[in-house]
Amino acid sequence: PLLPPGGIFTLAPAGLLSGLTVLIVLSFMSNRALSMPTKGSR
């Protein structure tokens, strides 16, 4: 009873599925390996 039919209502489950899987994938990615040393510019 949560969502009626209609394409626009897929945004909620699609967003939750995308967010969850992205966070899982990011857990395997390293800040140290994928970032450059910081530089002192403004």
PDB file of all heavy atoms in Angstrom:
ATOM      1  N   PRO A   1       0.808  -1.233   0.000  1.00  0.00           N
ATOM      2  CA  PRO A   1       0.000   0.000   0.000  1.00  0.00           C
ATOM      3  C   PRO A   1       0.836   1.276   0.000  1.00  0.00           C
ATOM      4  O   PRO A   1       0.301   2.361   0.182  1.00  0.00           O
ATOM      5  CB  PRO A   1      -0.778  -0.122   1.299  1.00  0.00           C
ATOM      6  CG  PRO A   1       0.212  -0.767   2.228  1.00  0.00           C
ATOM      7  CD  PRO A   1       1.023  -1.733   1.373  1.00  0.00           C
ATOM      8  N   LEU A   2       2.155   1.144  -0.217  1.00  0.00           N
ATOM      9  CA  LEU A   2       3.038   2.301  -0.083  1.00  0.00           C
ATOM     10  C   LEU A   2       3.034   3.201  -1.316  1.00  0.00           C
ATOM     11  O   LEU A   2       2.969   4.424  -1.201  1.00  0.00           O
ATOM     12  CB  LEU A   2       4.469   1.822   0.211  1.00  0.00           C
ATOM     13  CG  LEU A   2       4.669   1.031   1.503  1.00  0.00           C
ATOM     14  CD1 LEU A   2       6.107   0.545   1.616  1.00  0.00           C
ATOM     15  CD2 LEU A   2       4.294   1.886   2.712  1.00  0.00           C
ATOM     16  N   LEU A   3       3.118   2.586  -2.513  1.00  0.00           N
ATOM     17  CA  LEU A   3       3.261   3.364  -3.734  1.00  0.00           C
ATOM     18  C   LEU A   3       2.215   2.952  -4.762  1.00  0.00           C
ATOM     19  O   LEU A   3       2.036   1.751  -5.007  1.00  0.00           O
ATOM     20  CB  LEU A   3       4.669   3.169  -4.331  1.00  0.00           C
ATOM     21  CG  LEU A   3       5.853   3.653  -3.493  1.00  0.00           C
ATOM     22  CD1 LEU A   3       7.163   3.242  -4.142  1.00  0.00           C
ATOM     23  CD2 LEU A   3       5.807   5.170  -3.297  1.00  0.00           C
ATOM     24  N   PRO A   4       1.545   3.910  -5.386  1.00  0.00           N
ATOM     25  CA  PRO A   4       0.598   3.578  -6.457  1.00  0.00           C
ATOM     26  C   PRO A   4       1.348   3.314  -7.758  1.00  0.00           C
ATOM     27  O   PRO A   4       2.557   3.570  -7.854  1.00  0.00           O
ATOM     28  CB  PRO A   4      -0.258   4.850  -6.553  1.00  0.00           C
ATOM     29  CG  PRO A   4       0.655   5.936  -6.102  1.00  0.00           C
ATOM     30  CD  PRO A   4       1.542   5.337  -5.055  1.00  0.00           C
ATOM     31  N   PRO A   5       0.687   2.813  -8.775  1.00  0.00           N
ATOM     32  CA  PRO A   5       1.344   2.628 -10.080  1.00  0.00           C
ATOM     33  C   PRO A   5       1.743   3.978 -10.673  1.00  0.00           C
ATOM     34  O   PRO A   5       1.135   5.003 -10.398  1.00  0.00           O
ATOM     35  CB  PRO A   5       0.264   1.947 -10.926  1.00  0.00           C
ATOM     36  CG  PRO A   5      -0.716   1.388  -9.947  1.00  0.00           C
ATOM     37  CD  PRO A   5      -0.700   2.311  -8.770  1.00  0.00           C
ATOM     38  N   GLY A   6       2.770   3.965 -11.508  1.00  0.00           N
ATOM     39  CA  GLY A   6       3.230   5.187 -12.151  1.00  0.00           C
ATOM     40  C   GLY A   6       4.744   5.285 -12.123  1.00  0.00           C
ATOM     41  O   GLY A   6       5.377   4.973 -11.097  1.00  0.00           O
ATOM     42  N   GLY A   7       5.319   5.705 -13.252  1.00  0.00           N
ATOM     43  CA  GLY A   7       6.770   5.737 -13.355  1.00  0.00           C
ATOM     44  C   GLY A   7       7.437   6.649 -12.347  1.00  0.00           C
ATOM     45  O   GLY A   7       8.518   6.336 -11.829  1.00  0.00           O
ATOM     46  N   ILE A   8       6.818   7.783 -12.028  1.00  0.00           N
ATOM     47  CA  ILE A   8       7.466   8.729 -11.123  1.00  0.00           C
ATOM     48  C   ILE A   8       7.625   8.161  -9.715  1.00  0.00           C
ATOM     49  O   ILE A   8       8.527   8.557  -8.973  1.00  0.00           O
ATOM     50  CB  ILE A   8       6.673  10.053 -11.089  1.00  0.00           C
ATOM     51  CG1 ILE A   8       7.544  11.155 -10.466  1.00  0.00           C
ATOM     52  CG2 ILE A   8       5.346   9.898 -10.325  1.00  0.00           C
ATOM     53  CD1 ILE A   8       6.994  12.532 -10.611  1.00  0.00           C
ATOM     54  N   PHE A   9       6.784   7.192  -9.351  1.00  0.00           N
ATOM     55  CA  PHE A   9       6.867   6.610  -8.012  1.00  0.00           C
ATOM     56  C   PHE A   9       8.029   5.630  -7.871  1.00  0.00           C
ATOM     57  O   PHE A   9       8.334   5.185  -6.763  1.00  0.00           O
ATOM     58  CB  PHE A   9       5.545   5.934  -7.663  1.00  0.00           C
ATOM     59  CG  PHE A   9       4.376   6.877  -7.673  1.00  0.00           C
ATOM     60  CD1 PHE A   9       3.397   6.791  -8.653  1.00  0.00           C
ATOM     61  CD2 PHE A   9       4.266   7.878  -6.723  1.00  0.00           C
ATOM     62  CE1 PHE A   9       2.330   7.661  -8.676  1.00  0.00           C
ATOM     63  CE2 PHE A   9       3.205   8.768  -6.740  1.00  0.00           C
ATOM     64  CZ  PHE A   9       2.230   8.660  -7.723  1.00  0.00           C
ATOM     65  N   THR A  10       8.676   5.291  -8.986  1.00  0.00           N
ATOM     66  CA  THR A  10       9.848   4.411  -8.912  1.00  0.00           C
ATOM     67  C   THR A  10      11.066   5.136  -8.349  1.00  0.00           C
ATOM     68  O   THR A  10      12.061   4.495  -8.007  1.00  0.00           O
ATOM     69  CB  THR A  10      10.201   3.849 -10.296  1.00  0.00           C
ATOM     70  OG1 THR A  10      10.572   4.933 -11.172  1.00  0.00           O
ATOM     71  CG2 THR A  10       9.026   3.094 -10.894  1.00  0.00           C
ATOM     72  N   LEU A  11      10.997   6.479  -8.257  1.00  0.00           N
ATOM     73  CA  LEU A  11      12.157   7.232  -7.767  1.00  0.00           C
ATOM     74  C   LEU A  11      12.522   6.849  -6.341  1.00  0.00           C
ATOM     75  O   LEU A  11      13.706   6.813  -5.989  1.00  0.00           O
ATOM     76  CB  LEU A  11      11.874   8.726  -7.842  1.00  0.00           C
ATOM     77  CG  LEU A  11      12.342   9.494  -9.073  1.00  0.00           C
ATOM     78  CD1 LEU A  11      13.850   9.564  -9.135  1.00  0.00           C
ATOM     79  CD2 LEU A  11      11.795   8.871 -10.341  1.00  0.00           C
ATOM     80  N   ALA A  12      11.533   6.546  -5.495  1.00  0.00           N
ATOM     81  CA  ALA A  12      11.823   6.204  -4.100  1.00  0.00           C
ATOM     82  C   ALA A  12      12.566   4.873  -3.993  1.00  0.00           C
ATOM     83  O   ALA A  12      13.667   4.825  -3.426  1.00  0.00           O
ATOM     84  CB  ALA A  12      10.530   6.188  -3.282  1.00  0.00           C
ATOM     85  N   PRO A  13      12.023   3.764  -4.513  1.00  0.00           N
ATOM     86  CA  PRO A  13      12.781   2.509  -4.413  1.00  0.00           C
ATOM     87  C   PRO A  13      14.082   2.537  -5.200  1.00  0.00           C
ATOM     88  O   PRO A  13      15.085   1.952  -4.759  1.00  0.00           O
ATOM     89  CB  PRO A  13      11.810   1.455  -4.971  1.00  0.00           C
ATOM     90  CG  PRO A  13      10.808   2.212  -5.762  1.00  0.00           C
ATOM     91  CD  PRO A  13      10.689   3.548  -5.108  1.00  0.00           C
ATOM     92  N   ALA A  14      14.087   3.220  -6.352  1.00  0.00           N
ATOM     93  CA  ALA A  14      15.330   3.305  -7.127  1.00  0.00           C
ATOM     94  C   ALA A  14      16.392   4.079  -6.359  1.00  0.00           C
ATOM     95  O   ALA A  14      17.577   3.700  -6.347  1.00  0.00           O
ATOM     96  CB  ALA A  14      15.061   3.968  -8.476  1.00  0.00           C
ATOM     97  N   GLY A  15      15.972   5.174  -5.696  1.00  0.00           N
ATOM     98  CA  GLY A  15      16.923   5.950  -4.915  1.00  0.00           C
ATOM     99  C   GLY A  15      17.480   5.175  -3.735  1.00  0.00           C
ATOM    100  O   GLY A  15      18.688   5.233  -3.458  1.00  0.00           O
ATOM    101  N   LEU A  16      16.618   4.452  -3.035  1.00  0.00           N
ATOM    102  CA  LEU A  16      17.079   3.662  -1.889  1.00  0.00           C
ATOM    103  C   LEU A  16      18.012   2.534  -2.331  1.00  0.00           C
ATOM    104  O   LEU A  16      19.042   2.283  -1.687  1.00  0.00           O
ATOM    105  CB  LEU A  16      15.872   3.092  -1.143  1.00  0.00           C
ATOM    106  CG  LEU A  16      15.009   4.122  -0.412  1.00  0.00           C
ATOM    107  CD1 LEU A  16      13.721   3.460   0.103  1.00  0.00           C
ATOM    108  CD2 LEU A  16      15.776   4.753   0.735  1.00  0.00           C
ATOM    109  N   LEU A  17      17.662   1.854  -3.420  1.00  0.00           N
ATOM    110  CA  LEU A  17      18.511   0.768  -3.925  1.00  0.00           C
ATOM    111  C   LEU A  17      19.861   1.308  -4.380  1.00  0.00           C
ATOM    112  O   LEU A  17      20.917   0.738  -4.071  1.00  0.00           O
ATOM    113  CB  LEU A  17      17.802   0.055  -5.073  1.00  0.00           C
ATOM    114  CG  LEU A  17      18.591  -1.067  -5.762  1.00  0.00           C
ATOM    115  CD1 LEU A  17      18.888  -2.191  -4.769  1.00  0.00           C
ATOM    116  CD2 LEU A  17      17.821  -1.599  -6.958  1.00  0.00           C
ATOM    117  N   SER A  18      19.830   2.421  -5.122  1.00  0.00           N
ATOM    118  CA  SER A  18      21.066   3.022  -5.602  1.00  0.00           C
ATOM    119  C   SER A  18      21.937   3.480  -4.446  1.00  0.00           C
ATOM    120  O   SER A  18      23.147   3.206  -4.418  1.00  0.00           O
ATOM    121  CB  SER A  18      20.743   4.203  -6.528  1.00  0.00           C
ATOM    122  OG  SER A  18      21.917   4.778  -7.043  1.00  0.00           O
ATOM    123  N   GLY A  19      21.335   4.169  -3.464  1.00  0.00           N
ATOM    124  CA  GLY A  19      22.108   4.666  -2.332  1.00  0.00           C
ATOM    125  C   GLY A  19      22.755   3.552  -1.533  1.00  0.00           C
ATOM    126  O   GLY A  19      23.936   3.637  -1.166  1.00  0.00           O
ATOM    127  N   LEU A  20      22.000   2.474  -1.286  1.00  0.00           N
ATOM    128  CA  LEU A  20      22.536   1.362  -0.501  1.00  0.00           C
ATOM    129  C   LEU A  20      23.700   0.685  -1.212  1.00  0.00           C
ATOM    130  O   LEU A  20      24.755   0.436  -0.619  1.00  0.00           O
ATOM    131  CB  LEU A  20      21.424   0.347  -0.207  1.00  0.00           C
ATOM    132  CG  LEU A  20      21.843  -0.920   0.543  1.00  0.00           C
ATOM    133  CD1 LEU A  20      22.395  -0.572   1.913  1.00  0.00           C
ATOM    134  CD2 LEU A  20      20.665  -1.888   0.675  1.00  0.00           C
ATOM    135  N   THR A  21      23.523   0.381  -2.493  1.00  0.00           N
ATOM    136  CA  THR A  21      24.578  -0.319  -3.227  1.00  0.00           C
ATOM    137  C   THR A  21      25.813   0.556  -3.422  1.00  0.00           C
ATOM    138  O   THR A  21      26.943   0.064  -3.375  1.00  0.00           O
ATOM    139  CB  THR A  21      24.055  -0.806  -4.587  1.00  0.00           C
ATOM    140  OG1 THR A  21      23.478   0.304  -5.303  1.00  0.00           O
ATOM    141  CG2 THR A  21      23.011  -1.892  -4.417  1.00  0.00           C
ATOM    142  N   VAL A  22      25.611   1.863  -3.636  1.00  0.00           N
ATOM    143  CA  VAL A  22      26.763   2.762  -3.771  1.00  0.00           C
ATOM    144  C   VAL A  22      27.565   2.798  -2.474  1.00  0.00           C
ATOM    145  O   VAL A  22      28.803   2.743  -2.490  1.00  0.00           O
ATOM    146  CB  VAL A  22      26.304   4.176  -4.174  1.00  0.00           C
ATOM    147  CG1 VAL A  22      27.436   5.186  -3.963  1.00  0.00           C
ATOM    148  CG2 VAL A  22      25.863   4.202  -5.621  1.00  0.00           C
ATOM    149  N   LEU A  23      26.896   2.886  -1.343  1.00  0.00           N
ATOM    150  CA  LEU A  23      27.611   2.916  -0.065  1.00  0.00           C
ATOM    151  C   LEU A  23      28.386   1.619   0.169  1.00  0.00           C
ATOM    152  O   LEU A  23      29.490   1.643   0.736  1.00  0.00           O
ATOM    153  CB  LEU A  23      26.622   3.158   1.074  1.00  0.00           C
ATOM    154  CG  LEU A  23      25.990   4.563   1.121  1.00  0.00           C
ATOM    155  CD1 LEU A  23      24.950   4.634   2.238  1.00  0.00           C
ATOM    156  CD2 LEU A  23      27.054   5.635   1.292  1.00  0.00           C
ATOM    157  N   ILE A  24      27.830   0.504  -0.279  1.00  0.00           N
ATOM    158  CA  ILE A  24      28.559  -0.771  -0.159  1.00  0.00           C
ATOM    159  C   ILE A  24      29.809  -0.743  -1.024  1.00  0.00           C
ATOM    160  O   ILE A  24      30.910  -1.135  -0.596  1.00  0.00           O
ATOM    161  CB  ILE A  24      27.642  -1.948  -0.552  1.00  0.00           C
ATOM    162  CG1 ILE A  24      26.516  -2.112   0.471  1.00  0.00           C
ATOM    163  CG2 ILE A  24      28.454  -3.236  -0.673  1.00  0.00           C
ATOM    164  CD1 ILE A  24      25.488  -3.155   0.097  1.00  0.00           C
ATOM    165  N   VAL A  25      29.671  -0.268  -2.261  1.00  0.00           N
ATOM    166  CA  VAL A  25      30.817  -0.197  -3.177  1.00  0.00           C
ATOM    167  C   VAL A  25      31.881   0.739  -2.633  1.00  0.00           C
ATOM    168  O   VAL A  25      33.086   0.446  -2.683  1.00  0.00           O
ATOM    169  CB  VAL A  25      30.342   0.253  -4.576  1.00  0.00           C
ATOM    170  CG1 VAL A  25      31.533   0.665  -5.440  1.00  0.00           C
ATOM    171  CG2 VAL A  25      29.559  -0.857  -5.259  1.00  0.00           C
ATOM    172  N   LEU A  26      31.466   1.880  -2.085  1.00  0.00           N
ATOM    173  CA  LEU A  26      32.432   2.849  -1.563  1.00  0.00           C
ATOM    174  C   LEU A  26      33.211   2.308  -0.370  1.00  0.00           C
ATOM    175  O   LEU A  26      34.318   2.790  -0.077  1.00  0.00           O
ATOM    176  CB  LEU A  26      31.709   4.140  -1.174  1.00  0.00           C
ATOM    177  CG  LEU A  26      31.149   4.978  -2.319  1.00  0.00           C
ATOM    178  CD1 LEU A  26      30.417   6.201  -1.774  1.00  0.00           C
ATOM    179  CD2 LEU A  26      32.249   5.410  -3.279  1.00  0.00           C
ATOM    180  N   SER A  27      32.653   1.325   0.315  1.00  0.00           N
ATOM    181  CA  SER A  27      33.373   0.740   1.450  1.00  0.00           C
ATOM    182  C   SER A  27      34.638   0.009   1.013  1.00  0.00           C
ATOM    183  O   SER A  27      35.518  -0.257   1.823  1.00  0.00           O
ATOM    184  CB  SER A  27      32.452  -0.210   2.227  1.00  0.00           C
ATOM    185  OG  SER A  27      32.130  -1.359   1.446  1.00  0.00           O
ATOM    186  N   PHE A  28      34.723  -0.325  -0.280  1.00  0.00           N
ATOM    187  CA  PHE A  28      35.904  -1.002  -0.817  1.00  0.00           C
ATOM    188  C   PHE A  28      36.887  -0.021  -1.458  1.00  0.00           C
ATOM    189  O   PHE A  28      37.902  -0.441  -2.008  1.00  0.00           O
ATOM    190  CB  PHE A  28      35.496  -2.047  -1.854  1.00  0.00           C
ATOM    191  CG  PHE A  28      34.717  -3.192  -1.288  1.00  0.00           C
ATOM    192  CD1 PHE A  28      33.331  -3.175  -1.302  1.00  0.00           C
ATOM    193  CD2 PHE A  28      35.366  -4.285  -0.714  1.00  0.00           C
ATOM    194  CE1 PHE A  28      32.594  -4.235  -0.778  1.00  0.00           C
ATOM    195  CE2 PHE A  28      34.646  -5.341  -0.185  1.00  0.00           C
ATOM    196  CZ  PHE A  28      33.256  -5.315  -0.206  1.00  0.00           C
ATOM    197  N   MET A  29      36.579   1.274  -1.411  1.00  0.00           N
ATOM    198  CA  MET A  29      37.437   2.290  -2.022  1.00  0.00           C
ATOM    199  C   MET A  29      38.144   3.072  -0.924  1.00  0.00           C
ATOM    200  O   MET A  29      37.542   3.410   0.098  1.00  0.00           O
ATOM    201  CB  MET A  29      36.612   3.216  -2.917  1.00  0.00           C
ATOM    202  CG  MET A  29      35.985   2.481  -4.091  1.00  0.00           C
ATOM    203  SD  MET A  29      34.750   3.457  -5.006  1.00  0.00           S
ATOM    204  CE  MET A  29      35.778   4.758  -5.684  1.00  0.00           C
ATOM    205  N   SER A  30      39.405   3.365  -1.145  1.00  0.00           N
ATOM    206  CA  SER A  30      40.250   3.949  -0.119  1.00  0.00           C
ATOM    207  C   SER A  30      40.457   5.440  -0.346  1.00  0.00           C
ATOM    208  O   SER A  30      40.820   5.865  -1.442  1.00  0.00           O
ATOM    209  CB  SER A  30      41.615   3.245  -0.110  1.00  0.00           C
ATOM    210  OG  SER A  30      42.554   3.961   0.650  1.00  0.00           O
ATOM    211  N   ASN A  31      40.242   6.230   0.710  1.00  0.00           N
ATOM    212  CA  ASN A  31      40.557   7.657   0.640  1.00  0.00           C
ATOM    213  C   ASN A  31      42.028   7.884   0.317  1.00  0.00           C
ATOM    214  O   ASN A  31      42.376   8.732  -0.505  1.00  0.00           O
ATOM    215  CB  ASN A  31      40.232   8.332   1.969  1.00  0.00           C
ATOM    216  CG  ASN A  31      38.784   8.793   2.062  1.00  0.00           C
ATOM    217  OD1 ASN A  31      38.265   9.402   1.145  1.00  0.00           O
ATOM    218  ND2 ASN A  31      38.146   8.498   3.178  1.00  0.00           N
ATOM    219  N   ARG A  32      42.893   7.135   0.938  1.00  0.00           N
ATOM    220  CA  ARG A  32      44.335   7.332   0.766  1.00  0.00           C
ATOM    221  C   ARG A  32      44.786   7.004  -0.644  1.00  0.00           C
ATOM    222  O   ARG A  32      45.646   7.683  -1.201  1.00  0.00           O
ATOM    223  CB  ARG A  32      45.101   6.484   1.784  1.00  0.00           C
ATOM    224  CG  ARG A  32      44.839   6.856   3.234  1.00  0.00           C
ATOM    225  CD  ARG A  32      45.646   5.986   4.166  1.00  0.00           C
ATOM    226  NE  ARG A  32      47.069   6.171   3.976  1.00  0.00           N
ATOM    227  CZ  ARG A  32      47.997   5.409   4.563  1.00  0.00           C
ATOM    228  NH1 ARG A  32      47.643   4.427   5.357  1.00  0.00           N
ATOM    229  NH2 ARG A  32      49.277   5.647   4.355  1.00  0.00           N
ATOM    230  N   ALA A  33      44.210   5.952  -1.219  1.00  0.00           N
ATOM    231  CA  ALA A  33      44.647   5.546  -2.555  1.00  0.00           C
ATOM    232  C   ALA A  33      44.097   6.434  -3.659  1.00  0.00           C
ATOM    233  O   ALA A  33      44.716   6.590  -4.709  1.00  0.00           O
ATOM    234  CB  ALA A  33      44.227   4.095  -2.816  1.00  0.00           C
ATOM    235  N   LEU A  34      42.932   7.043  -3.435  1.00  0.00           N
ATOM    236  CA  LEU A  34      42.244   7.761  -4.503  1.00  0.00           C
ATOM    237  C   LEU A  34      42.262   9.275  -4.334  1.00  0.00           C
ATOM    238  O   LEU A  34      41.626   9.984  -5.111  1.00  0.00           O
ATOM    239  CB  LEU A  34      40.791   7.270  -4.594  1.00  0.00           C
ATOM    240  CG  LEU A  34      40.647   5.807  -5.017  1.00  0.00           C
ATOM    241  CD1 LEU A  34      39.197   5.365  -4.940  1.00  0.00           C
ATOM    242  CD2 LEU A  34      41.187   5.596  -6.416  1.00  0.00           C
ATOM    243  N   SER A  35      42.982   9.783  -3.350  1.00  0.00           N
ATOM    244  CA  SER A  35      43.088  11.221  -3.134  1.00  0.00           C
ATOM    245  C   SER A  35      44.533  11.654  -3.307  1.00  0.00           C
ATOM    246  O   SER A  35      45.464  10.894  -3.045  1.00  0.00           O
ATOM    247  CB  SER A  35      42.586  11.605  -1.736  1.00  0.00           C
ATOM    248  OG  SER A  35      41.246  11.208  -1.552  1.00  0.00           O
ATOM    249  N   MET A  36      44.718  12.899  -3.738  1.00  0.00           N
ATOM    250  CA  MET A  36      46.044  13.485  -3.854  1.00  0.00           C
ATOM    251  C   MET A  36      46.419  14.163  -2.540  1.00  0.00           C
ATOM    252  O   MET A  36      45.549  14.527  -1.756  1.00  0.00           O
ATOM    253  CB  MET A  36      46.073  14.509  -4.991  1.00  0.00           C
ATOM    254  CG  MET A  36      45.889  13.908  -6.376  1.00  0.00           C
ATOM    255  SD  MET A  36      47.308  12.914  -6.883  1.00  0.00           S
ATOM    256  CE  MET A  36      48.532  14.205  -7.091  1.00  0.00           C
ATOM    257  N   PRO A  37      47.723  14.371  -2.296  1.00  0.00           N
ATOM    258  CA  PRO A  37      48.111  15.142  -1.106  1.00  0.00           C
ATOM    259  C   PRO A  37      47.522  16.544  -1.177  1.00  0.00           C
ATOM    260  O   PRO A  37      47.448  17.151  -2.249  1.00  0.00           O
ATOM    261  CB  PRO A  37      49.643  15.184  -1.197  1.00  0.00           C
ATOM    262  CG  PRO A  37      50.017  14.056  -2.103  1.00  0.00           C
ATOM    263  CD  PRO A  37      48.878  13.898  -3.061  1.00  0.00           C
ATOM    264  N   THR A  38      47.090  17.060  -0.027  1.00  0.00           N
ATOM    265  CA  THR A  38      46.480  18.386  -0.006  1.00  0.00           C
ATOM    266  C   THR A  38      47.519  19.461  -0.283  1.00  0.00           C
ATOM    267  O   THR A  38      48.695  19.320   0.057  1.00  0.00           O
ATOM    268  CB  THR A  38      45.825  18.655   1.357  1.00  0.00           C
ATOM    269  OG1 THR A  38      46.815  18.553   2.378  1.00  0.00           O
ATOM    270  CG2 THR A  38      44.721  17.643   1.613  1.00  0.00           C
ATOM    271  N   LYS A  39      47.072  20.547  -0.928  1.00  0.00           N
ATOM    272  CA  LYS A  39      47.950  21.665  -1.253  1.00  0.00           C
ATOM    273  C   LYS A  39      47.369  22.945  -0.661  1.00  0.00           C
ATOM    274  O   LYS A  39      46.164  23.093  -0.540  1.00  0.00           O
ATOM    275  CB  LYS A  39      48.092  21.818  -2.773  1.00  0.00           C
ATOM    276  CG  LYS A  39      48.713  20.608  -3.464  1.00  0.00           C
ATOM    277  CD  LYS A  39      48.884  20.868  -4.948  1.00  0.00           C
ATOM    278  CE  LYS A  39      47.565  21.081  -5.634  1.00  0.00           C
ATOM    279  NZ  LYS A  39      47.698  21.312  -7.090  1.00  0.00           N
ATOM    280  N   GLY A  40      48.248  23.866  -0.347  1.00  0.00           N
ATOM    281  CA  GLY A  40      47.818  25.084   0.325  1.00  0.00           C
ATOM    282  C   GLY A  40      47.405  26.197  -0.624  1.00  0.00           C
ATOM    283  O   GLY A  40      48.113  27.196  -0.756  1.00  0.00           O
ATOM    284  N   SER A  41      46.306  26.046  -1.305  1.00  0.00           N
ATOM    285  CA  SER A  41      45.776  27.124  -2.144  1.00  0.00           C
ATOM    286  C   SER A  41      44.396  27.500  -1.633  1.00  0.00           C
ATOM    287  O   SER A  41      43.773  26.763  -0.881  1.00  0.00           O
ATOM    288  CB  SER A  41      45.697  26.687  -3.604  1.00  0.00           C
ATOM    289  OG  SER A  41      44.788  25.621  -3.755  1.00  0.00           O
ATOM    290  N   ARG A  42      43.917  28.669  -2.054  1.00  0.00           N
ATOM    291  CA  ARG A  42      42.647  29.175  -1.584  1.00  0.00           C
ATOM    292  C   ARG A  42      41.578  29.028  -2.656  1.00  0.00           C
ATOM    293  O   ARG A  42      41.860  29.050  -3.849  1.00  0.00           O
ATOM    294  CB  ARG A  42      42.785  30.639  -1.188  1.00  0.00           C
ATOM    295  CG  ARG A  42      43.733  30.863  -0.010  1.00  0.00           C
ATOM    296  CD  ARG A  42      43.790  32.337   0.359  1.00  0.00           C
ATOM    297  NE  ARG A  42      44.659  32.574   1.518  1.00  0.00           N
ATOM    298  CZ  ARG A  42      44.874  33.763   2.058  1.00  0.00           C
ATOM    299  NH1 ARG A  42      44.284  34.841   1.528  1.00  0.00           N
ATOM    300  NH2 ARG A  42      45.669  33.883   3.101  1.00  0.00           N
TER     301      ARG A  42
END
